[in-house]
Amino acid sequence: MILNTLSAISPVDGRYRKQVEDLAKYFSEFGLIYYRVRVEIEYFIALVELPVPQLSTFQKSLYYDLRAIYQNFSEEDALKIKEIEKTTNHDVKAVEYFIKEAFEKLGISQYSEFIHFGLTSQDINNTAIPLSLKEAVDNNVLPVFKQILEKLYALADQWKDISLLAHTHGQPASPTRLGKEILVFCERIEKQIELIQTIPYAAKFGGATGNFNAHHVAYSQIDWVAFGNTFVNEQLGLYRSQKTTQIEHYDMLAALSDNIKRINTILIDFSRDVWTYVSMGYFKQKIKAGEIGSSAMPHKVNPIDFENAEGNLGVANALFEHFSAKLPISRLQRDLTDSTVLRNLGVPVAHTVIALKSLLKGLDKLELNKEAIDHHLEENWAVVAEGIQTILRREGFPKPYEALKALTRTNEKITEKKIKEFIDTLDIGEKVKYELRRITPFNYTGI
């Protein structure tokens, strides 16, 4: 069977491929190979800049040609590397040999032994992977998170004056405003976006077990720690972990996973709230010609975008949870369990992006049903009891809470008429009674 969107095992590469196509350049096998080539080339250039004595004669005018190796990297190039890997049975070594062939074509093969000089494969993987992740988050994930945030702020402003019956424990509670309830999610998301931008993309770069052993034995006069810091921090734009084993300890990657997971959890909470408001009739959904809500029930318009978002966010979070729990653990100086896990980094990122796009689609389809919202407020006059008893407390009225409790905790429906009749019986001044009569479920919404 030929691999395509119909035969793909994962829906990320099948059903949802069009929504996450842009992520392929970061997380696919092609993407991983590209970033490895890019790091290897930039490392060689950094050695020339140092310079390593044997590279002092290298013509810097060739930097353009060297960078073209990864800037013009093609699928054909990636396939060549995979072909080399069949012989080497080592993916990073195959990249090294590919670059050596490129050096030969450029007529600079005399310098080719300084490709991958003194490095272990994890020096490449643990810089290539955080670099690809950083660029994917910066270019594809954060912009959509911010797009969601902007949309929610716009809706909060649009609906800032809409009085809404609140529900605590699923029961009618003190009224609120719809715009304010959306602002709750805005604040939560905004703070997490601020946090995510403080997490460094940590990289390991220090030789076989993190000590620059090979580098130091070859050139003991060079400060390799300073070199590594400059290369990783300044040239690659990452953060070099100073004390490592053979691999990056992944604590920062765990922090990033947890941070994205928190934002996703907030959005699951939001999706469920909107779903509930739709089921209560507070929102209608724009109907698109030709769409079907149920194969059996013609009347249905399902909140599928919010359900799709919730489901995909849940899948993403399950993997982010595994990353943050598993990746920081490795036996002694290194075991290989991190390798196969890291190859799945793009999966939860893709499910997150799919969910965010579903949310945006769903939000665009929402139509406020003010009639239903107002009806629900009108049906729940008991919620003003809190305000009434609080003013009575202010006035020194004896046992006001108990008086309101006796009025409202009955099986009889509490109406506007009953509330006003109750106010009329109170032994208080007419000015305070007037103040109490003005409280309604529509205006008892606080600040």
Protein backbone atom coordinates (compact mmCIF):
# COMPACT_ATOMS: atom_id res chain seq x y z
CA MET A 1 0.00 0.00 0.00
CA ILE A 2 1.39 3.40 -1.01
CA LEU A 3 1.63 5.87 1.87
CA ASN A 4 -0.78 8.78 1.46
CA THR A 5 -3.38 10.57 3.57
CA LEU A 6 -5.74 7.61 3.19
CA SER A 7 -3.25 4.91 4.13
CA ALA A 8 -1.42 6.81 6.90
CA ILE A 9 -1.73 5.12 10.31
CA SER A 10 -1.70 8.38 12.24
CA PRO A 11 -4.51 10.90 11.61
CA VAL A 12 -1.85 13.61 11.89
CA ASP A 13 -0.45 12.41 8.55
CA GLY A 14 -3.85 11.30 7.29
CA ARG A 15 -7.15 13.02 7.98
CA TYR A 16 -5.58 16.16 9.47
CA ARG A 17 -2.53 16.45 7.21
CA LYS A 18 -3.62 19.72 5.55
CA GLN A 19 -4.00 21.41 8.95
CA VAL A 20 -0.47 20.58 10.11
CA GLU A 21 1.52 20.36 6.88
CA ASP A 22 3.77 23.22 7.96
CA LEU A 23 5.01 21.17 10.92
CA ALA A 24 6.56 18.55 8.64
CA LYS A 25 9.64 20.68 8.02
CA TYR A 26 10.39 20.59 11.74
CA PHE A 27 9.33 17.13 12.91
CA SER A 28 9.46 14.75 9.96
CA GLU A 29 12.43 12.50 9.20
CA PHE A 30 13.32 15.02 6.50
CA GLY A 31 13.15 17.81 9.06
CA LEU A 32 15.39 16.00 11.52
CA ILE A 33 18.00 15.30 8.82
CA TYR A 34 17.88 18.93 7.64
CA TYR A 35 18.54 20.27 11.14
CA ARG A 36 21.38 17.80 11.65
CA VAL A 37 23.02 18.97 8.41
CA ARG A 38 22.49 22.61 9.42
CA VAL A 39 24.14 22.11 12.83
CA GLU A 40 27.07 20.18 11.34
CA ILE A 41 27.75 22.94 8.78
CA GLU A 42 27.48 25.73 11.35
CA TYR A 43 29.78 23.80 13.69
CA PHE A 44 32.42 23.49 10.97
CA ILE A 45 32.17 27.22 10.27
CA ALA A 46 32.55 27.92 14.01
CA LEU A 47 35.76 25.84 14.05
CA VAL A 48 37.08 27.91 11.15
CA GLU A 49 36.21 31.11 12.99
CA LEU A 50 37.96 29.93 16.17
CA PRO A 51 40.26 29.05 14.35
CA VAL A 52 41.46 25.51 14.79
CA PRO A 53 45.06 25.79 13.48
CA GLN A 54 44.54 23.30 10.64
CA LEU A 55 41.58 25.37 9.40
CA SER A 56 43.41 28.71 9.35
CA THR A 57 43.86 28.46 5.56
CA PHE A 58 40.18 27.78 4.87
CA GLN A 59 38.73 30.46 2.60
CA LYS A 60 35.87 32.19 4.43
CA SER A 61 34.41 33.17 1.10
CA LEU A 62 33.25 29.53 0.93
CA TYR A 63 30.81 30.04 3.83
CA TYR A 64 28.09 30.87 1.29
CA ASP A 65 28.64 27.53 -0.48
CA LEU A 66 28.72 25.65 2.82
CA ARG A 67 25.46 27.17 4.05
CA ALA A 68 23.88 26.44 0.67
CA ILE A 69 24.24 22.73 1.53
CA TYR A 70 21.46 23.07 4.10
CA GLN A 71 19.69 26.14 2.73
CA ASN A 72 19.03 24.28 -0.54
CA PHE A 73 18.54 20.91 1.17
CA SER A 74 16.06 18.79 -0.77
CA GLU A 75 14.16 15.55 -0.40
CA GLU A 76 16.60 14.07 -2.89
CA ASP A 77 19.44 15.00 -0.51
CA ALA A 78 17.60 13.43 2.41
CA LEU A 79 17.11 10.22 0.40
CA LYS A 80 20.85 10.14 -0.34
CA ILE A 81 21.53 10.28 3.40
CA LYS A 82 19.03 7.48 4.03
CA GLU A 83 20.82 5.43 1.37
CA ILE A 84 24.17 6.02 3.10
CA GLU A 85 22.54 5.00 6.39
CA LYS A 86 21.78 1.55 4.93
CA THR A 87 25.55 0.98 4.98
CA THR A 88 26.54 2.87 8.13
CA ASN A 89 23.50 1.74 10.13
CA HIS A 90 23.98 5.07 11.93
CA ASP A 91 21.87 8.06 11.03
CA VAL A 92 24.19 10.85 12.23
CA LYS A 93 27.26 9.24 10.67
CA ALA A 94 25.35 9.13 7.40
CA VAL A 95 24.91 12.92 7.62
CA GLU A 96 28.67 13.33 8.17
CA TYR A 97 29.47 11.24 5.07
CA PHE A 98 26.93 13.21 3.01
CA ILE A 99 28.64 16.48 3.95
CA LYS A 100 32.05 15.00 3.20
CA GLU A 101 30.80 14.18 -0.32
CA ALA A 102 29.65 17.80 -0.65
CA PHE A 103 33.10 18.99 0.46
CA GLU A 104 34.66 16.80 -2.21
CA LYS A 105 32.46 18.40 -4.88
CA LEU A 106 33.51 21.84 -3.63
CA GLY A 107 37.17 20.82 -3.85
CA ILE A 108 37.81 21.20 -0.13
CA SER A 109 38.03 17.55 0.93
CA GLN A 110 41.33 18.27 2.71
CA TYR A 111 39.26 19.86 5.47
CA SER A 112 36.60 17.16 5.67
CA GLU A 113 37.94 15.45 8.81
CA PHE A 114 36.87 18.52 10.76
CA ILE A 115 33.24 17.74 9.96
CA HIS A 116 31.80 16.33 13.20
CA PHE A 117 35.23 16.85 14.81
CA GLY A 118 35.35 15.56 18.40
CA LEU A 119 31.60 15.17 18.58
CA THR A 120 29.24 12.37 19.49
CA SER A 121 25.91 11.95 17.71
CA GLN A 122 24.04 13.48 20.65
CA ASP A 123 25.94 16.75 20.24
CA ILE A 124 24.14 16.98 16.91
CA ASN A 125 20.79 15.52 17.99
CA ASN A 126 20.63 17.56 21.19
CA THR A 127 21.15 20.77 19.26
CA ALA A 128 19.18 19.90 16.11
CA ILE A 129 16.08 18.80 18.02
CA PRO A 130 15.75 21.80 20.37
CA LEU A 131 16.48 24.10 17.42
CA SER A 132 13.70 22.52 15.33
CA LEU A 133 11.35 22.57 18.34
CA LYS A 134 12.10 26.24 19.05
CA GLU A 135 11.43 27.28 15.47
CA ALA A 136 8.25 25.17 15.32
CA VAL A 137 6.89 26.70 18.55
CA ASP A 138 7.90 30.25 17.55
CA ASN A 139 6.53 29.99 14.00
CA ASN A 140 3.56 27.63 14.29
CA VAL A 141 2.39 27.12 17.86
CA LEU A 142 2.70 30.44 19.70
CA PRO A 143 1.08 32.40 16.84
CA VAL A 144 -2.04 30.21 17.03
CA PHE A 145 -2.15 30.41 20.83
CA LYS A 146 -1.99 34.20 20.46
CA GLN A 147 -4.66 34.08 17.74
CA ILE A 148 -6.96 32.23 20.17
CA LEU A 149 -6.19 34.83 22.84
CA GLU A 150 -6.96 37.74 20.51
CA LYS A 151 -10.24 36.11 19.47
CA LEU A 152 -11.27 35.62 23.10
CA TYR A 153 -10.43 39.22 23.99
CA ALA A 154 -12.56 40.37 21.04
CA LEU A 155 -15.52 38.23 22.15
CA ALA A 156 -15.09 39.38 25.77
CA ASP A 157 -15.38 42.98 24.60
CA GLN A 158 -18.31 42.19 22.29
CA TRP A 159 -20.24 40.50 25.11
CA LYS A 160 -19.07 42.62 28.05
CA ASP A 161 -22.60 43.88 28.82
CA ILE A 162 -24.40 40.53 28.52
CA SER A 163 -25.74 39.50 31.93
CA LEU A 164 -25.43 35.75 32.45
CA LEU A 165 -26.67 33.37 35.11
CA ALA A 166 -23.62 31.83 36.76
CA HIS A 167 -23.54 28.21 37.89
CA THR A 168 -21.56 26.92 40.84
CA HIS A 169 -21.75 23.17 41.45
CA GLY A 170 -24.10 23.10 38.47
CA GLN A 171 -26.67 25.19 40.38
CA PRO A 172 -27.85 28.75 39.63
CA ALA A 173 -25.56 31.25 41.38
CA SER A 174 -24.91 35.00 41.56
CA PRO A 175 -25.16 36.42 38.03
CA THR A 176 -22.08 37.43 36.10
CA ARG A 177 -21.35 38.87 32.67
CA LEU A 178 -20.48 36.76 29.67
CA GLY A 179 -17.56 39.00 28.70
CA LYS A 180 -16.05 38.68 32.17
CA GLU A 181 -16.29 34.89 32.10
CA ILE A 182 -14.32 34.86 28.84
CA LEU A 183 -11.76 37.23 30.39
CA VAL A 184 -11.10 34.57 33.04
CA PHE A 185 -9.74 32.33 30.28
CA CYS A 186 -7.90 35.24 28.67
CA GLU A 187 -5.97 35.90 31.85
CA ARG A 188 -5.13 32.22 32.36
CA ILE A 189 -3.92 31.76 28.78
CA GLU A 190 -2.01 35.04 28.69
CA LYS A 191 -0.03 34.21 31.85
CA GLN A 192 0.91 30.79 30.47
CA ILE A 193 2.01 32.29 27.14
CA GLU A 194 4.23 34.69 29.10
CA LEU A 195 5.70 31.74 31.00
CA ILE A 196 6.34 29.64 27.92
CA GLN A 197 8.45 32.44 26.45
CA THR A 198 10.78 32.34 29.47
CA ILE A 199 11.69 28.65 29.08
CA PRO A 200 15.10 28.20 27.43
CA TYR A 201 15.57 25.67 24.66
CA ALA A 202 18.41 23.76 26.26
CA ALA A 203 21.03 21.92 24.23
CA LYS A 204 23.82 19.52 25.07
CA PHE A 205 27.13 20.14 23.34
CA GLY A 206 30.28 18.71 24.94
CA GLY A 207 31.51 15.48 23.40
CA ALA A 208 30.94 11.83 24.25
CA THR A 209 30.12 12.24 27.95
CA GLY A 210 29.82 16.01 28.17
CA ASN A 211 33.44 16.83 29.10
CA PHE A 212 34.94 17.83 25.72
CA ASN A 213 37.37 14.92 26.17
CA ALA A 214 38.33 14.58 22.50
CA HIS A 215 38.46 18.33 21.91
CA HIS A 216 40.68 18.90 24.94
CA VAL A 217 43.13 16.11 24.19
CA ALA A 218 43.58 17.42 20.62
CA TYR A 219 43.78 21.14 21.46
CA SER A 220 44.30 21.64 25.19
CA GLN A 221 45.12 25.32 24.69
CA ILE A 222 41.59 26.11 23.47
CA ASP A 223 38.81 27.02 25.92
CA TRP A 224 36.24 24.56 24.58
CA VAL A 225 33.60 25.45 27.16
CA ALA A 226 33.66 29.06 25.99
CA PHE A 227 33.58 27.86 22.38
CA GLY A 228 30.58 25.61 23.08
CA ASN A 229 28.71 28.42 24.83
CA THR A 230 29.32 30.83 21.97
CA PHE A 231 28.34 28.30 19.33
CA VAL A 232 25.15 27.08 21.01
CA ASN A 233 23.97 30.28 22.67
CA GLU A 234 24.92 32.92 20.13
CA GLN A 235 25.10 31.15 16.78
CA LEU A 236 22.25 28.67 17.21
CA GLY A 237 20.15 30.81 19.57
CA LEU A 238 19.74 28.03 22.12
CA TYR A 239 20.92 27.63 25.72
CA ARG A 240 23.88 25.33 26.36
CA SER A 241 23.52 23.21 29.49
CA GLN A 242 26.86 23.43 31.30
CA LYS A 243 27.05 20.07 33.07
CA THR A 244 25.70 17.09 31.18
CA THR A 245 26.23 13.41 30.52
CA GLN A 246 26.24 12.18 26.91
CA ILE A 247 22.78 13.69 26.48
CA GLU A 248 20.85 16.81 27.38
CA HIS A 249 19.05 16.21 30.67
CA TYR A 250 15.78 17.48 29.11
CA ASP A 251 14.59 19.35 32.20
CA MET A 252 13.77 22.42 30.09
CA LEU A 253 12.03 20.27 27.49
CA ALA A 254 9.99 18.80 30.33
CA ALA A 255 9.13 22.33 31.48
CA LEU A 256 8.05 23.26 27.95
CA SER A 257 5.89 20.11 27.73
CA ASP A 258 4.25 20.93 31.05
CA ASN A 259 3.67 24.54 29.99
CA ILE A 260 2.00 23.62 26.70
CA LYS A 261 0.03 20.99 28.57
CA ARG A 262 -1.24 23.65 31.00
CA ILE A 263 -2.41 25.89 28.17
CA ASN A 264 -4.10 22.88 26.57
CA THR A 265 -5.78 22.03 29.87
CA ILE A 266 -7.13 25.59 30.13
CA LEU A 267 -8.49 25.25 26.60
CA ILE A 268 -10.11 21.90 27.44
CA ASP A 269 -11.83 23.69 30.32
CA PHE A 270 -12.95 26.44 27.95
CA SER A 271 -14.15 23.98 25.30
CA ARG A 272 -16.29 22.15 27.85
CA ASP A 273 -17.81 25.40 29.11
CA VAL A 274 -18.73 26.53 25.59
CA TRP A 275 -20.08 23.04 24.83
CA THR A 276 -22.27 23.33 27.94
CA TYR A 277 -23.49 26.80 27.01
CA VAL A 278 -24.41 25.49 23.56
CA SER A 279 -26.37 22.63 25.15
CA MET A 280 -28.17 25.16 27.39
CA GLY A 281 -29.13 27.21 24.35
CA TYR A 282 -27.02 30.24 25.29
CA PHE A 283 -25.27 29.94 21.94
CA LYS A 284 -26.53 28.94 18.54
CA GLN A 285 -24.16 27.86 15.78
CA LYS A 286 -24.03 29.23 12.28
CA ILE A 287 -25.34 26.65 9.87
CA LYS A 288 -23.28 25.86 6.81
CA ALA A 289 -25.21 24.67 3.76
CA GLY A 290 -24.75 20.96 3.14
CA GLU A 291 -23.39 20.09 6.60
CA ILE A 292 -25.02 17.24 8.52
CA GLY A 293 -25.11 17.02 12.31
CA SER A 294 -26.47 13.51 12.63
CA SER A 295 -26.98 10.67 10.18
CA ALA A 296 -30.33 9.94 11.89
CA MET A 297 -31.59 13.22 13.38
CA PRO A 298 -31.97 15.97 10.76
CA HIS A 299 -32.42 18.78 13.30
CA LYS A 300 -29.03 18.45 15.00
CA VAL A 301 -26.23 21.01 14.80
CA ASN A 302 -23.52 19.49 16.96
CA PRO A 303 -20.75 21.50 18.69
CA ILE A 304 -18.21 19.30 16.89
CA ASP A 305 -15.44 21.89 16.73
CA PHE A 306 -15.27 22.13 20.52
CA GLU A 307 -15.50 18.35 20.84
CA ASN A 308 -12.73 17.93 18.26
CA ALA A 309 -10.59 20.45 20.13
CA GLU A 310 -11.13 18.72 23.47
CA GLY A 311 -10.25 15.32 22.02
CA ASN A 312 -7.08 16.47 20.29
CA LEU A 313 -5.93 18.47 23.30
CA GLY A 314 -6.38 15.35 25.42
CA VAL A 315 -4.25 13.25 23.05
CA ALA A 316 -1.57 15.95 23.01
CA ASN A 317 -1.51 16.21 26.79
CA ALA A 318 -1.12 12.46 27.24
CA LEU A 319 2.11 12.60 25.22
CA PHE A 320 3.36 15.85 26.79
CA GLU A 321 2.82 14.21 30.19
CA HIS A 322 4.92 11.23 29.09
CA PHE A 323 7.68 13.51 27.76
CA SER A 324 7.94 15.51 30.98
CA ALA A 325 7.95 12.35 33.13
CA LYS A 326 10.23 10.19 30.98
CA LEU A 327 12.82 12.36 29.22
CA PRO A 328 14.65 13.69 32.33
CA ILE A 329 15.39 10.08 33.35
CA SER A 330 18.32 8.21 31.81
CA ARG A 331 20.44 5.39 33.23
CA LEU A 332 23.98 6.50 34.19
CA GLN A 333 25.61 8.57 31.41
CA ARG A 334 22.96 7.61 28.87
CA ASP A 335 20.50 5.01 27.69
CA LEU A 336 18.70 5.06 24.34
CA THR A 337 15.10 5.42 25.53
CA ASP A 338 15.12 9.16 24.84
CA SER A 339 15.81 8.64 21.12
CA THR A 340 12.55 6.99 20.12
CA VAL A 341 10.56 9.30 22.40
CA LEU A 342 12.06 12.43 20.85
CA ARG A 343 11.07 11.23 17.40
CA ASN A 344 7.46 11.70 18.54
CA LEU A 345 7.85 15.36 19.55
CA GLY A 346 5.84 16.53 16.56
CA VAL A 347 2.84 14.35 17.38
CA PRO A 348 1.48 16.28 20.42
CA VAL A 349 2.48 19.56 18.80
CA ALA A 350 0.42 18.59 15.75
CA HIS A 351 -2.59 17.53 17.84
CA THR A 352 -2.35 20.85 19.69
CA VAL A 353 -2.37 22.83 16.44
CA ILE A 354 -5.29 20.75 15.11
CA ALA A 355 -7.20 21.52 18.31
CA LEU A 356 -6.45 25.25 18.17
CA LYS A 357 -7.66 25.47 14.58
CA SER A 358 -10.85 23.62 15.54
CA LEU A 359 -11.39 26.08 18.39
CA LEU A 360 -10.98 29.06 16.09
CA LYS A 361 -13.43 27.53 13.65
CA GLY A 362 -15.93 26.85 16.43
CA LEU A 363 -15.64 30.35 17.87
CA ASP A 364 -16.34 31.85 14.47
CA LYS A 365 -19.59 29.85 14.28
CA LEU A 366 -20.99 30.96 17.66
CA GLU A 367 -24.06 33.20 17.70
CA LEU A 368 -25.34 34.63 20.96
CA ASN A 369 -28.88 33.60 21.92
CA LYS A 370 -29.71 36.47 24.29
CA GLU A 371 -33.33 35.40 24.52
CA ALA A 372 -32.36 32.09 26.11
CA ILE A 373 -29.85 33.77 28.45
CA ASP A 374 -32.41 36.37 29.58
CA HIS A 375 -35.08 33.71 30.04
CA HIS A 376 -32.79 31.74 32.33
CA LEU A 377 -32.11 34.85 34.42
CA GLU A 378 -35.82 35.63 34.65
CA GLU A 379 -36.49 32.08 35.84
CA ASN A 380 -34.00 32.39 38.71
CA TRP A 381 -34.88 35.36 40.88
CA ALA A 382 -33.66 33.46 43.94
CA VAL A 383 -30.09 34.45 43.00
CA VAL A 384 -30.64 38.02 44.21
CA ALA A 385 -31.08 36.72 47.78
CA GLU A 386 -27.34 37.10 48.42
CA GLY A 387 -27.45 40.81 47.59
CA ILE A 388 -30.57 41.44 49.63
CA GLN A 389 -29.28 39.73 52.76
CA THR A 390 -25.92 41.53 52.46
CA ILE A 391 -27.63 44.95 52.47
CA LEU A 392 -29.77 43.83 55.43
CA ARG A 393 -26.57 42.87 57.27
CA ARG A 394 -25.24 46.36 56.57
CA GLU A 395 -28.41 47.83 58.08
CA GLY A 396 -28.21 45.67 61.22
CA PHE A 397 -31.35 43.68 60.38
CA PRO A 398 -31.60 40.63 62.70
CA LYS A 399 -30.62 37.28 61.11
CA PRO A 400 -30.96 38.34 57.46
CA TYR A 401 -29.30 35.18 56.07
CA GLU A 402 -31.79 32.99 57.86
CA ALA A 403 -34.69 35.13 56.64
CA LEU A 404 -33.62 34.79 53.00
CA LYS A 405 -32.87 31.11 53.45
CA ALA A 406 -36.41 30.52 54.66
CA LEU A 407 -37.76 32.40 51.65
CA THR A 408 -35.65 30.79 48.93
CA ARG A 409 -35.02 27.19 50.04
CA THR A 410 -38.50 25.91 49.30
CA ASN A 411 -39.98 23.91 46.47
CA GLU A 412 -41.98 26.94 45.39
CA LYS A 413 -40.67 28.92 42.47
CA ILE A 414 -39.13 32.23 43.52
CA THR A 415 -40.40 34.98 41.24
CA GLU A 416 -39.92 38.71 41.05
CA LYS A 417 -43.31 39.11 42.68
CA LYS A 418 -42.37 36.91 45.68
CA ILE A 419 -39.09 38.79 46.18
CA LYS A 420 -40.85 42.15 46.19
CA GLU A 421 -43.60 40.90 48.50
CA PHE A 422 -40.89 39.71 50.89
CA ILE A 423 -39.20 43.12 50.78
CA ASP A 424 -42.50 44.80 51.61
CA THR A 425 -42.77 42.76 54.85
CA LEU A 426 -39.38 43.85 56.16
CA ASP A 427 -39.18 46.23 59.11
CA ILE A 428 -36.79 48.66 57.44
CA GLY A 429 -36.96 52.17 56.03
CA GLU A 430 -38.53 52.92 52.66
CA LYS A 431 -35.20 54.14 51.26
CA VAL A 432 -33.57 50.73 51.90
CA LYS A 433 -36.63 48.93 50.51
CA TYR A 434 -36.26 50.97 47.33
CA GLU A 435 -32.62 49.96 47.17
CA LEU A 436 -33.55 46.29 47.55
CA ARG A 437 -36.33 46.44 44.94
CA ARG A 438 -33.82 47.67 42.35
CA ILE A 439 -31.77 44.45 42.58
CA THR A 440 -32.58 42.07 39.70
CA PRO A 441 -30.87 39.03 38.17
CA PHE A 442 -29.98 41.30 35.21
CA ASN A 443 -28.14 43.98 37.16
CA TYR A 444 -26.78 42.01 40.11
CA THR A 445 -23.56 41.28 38.24
CA GLY A 446 -20.92 42.96 40.39
CA ILE A 447 -17.96 44.85 38.99
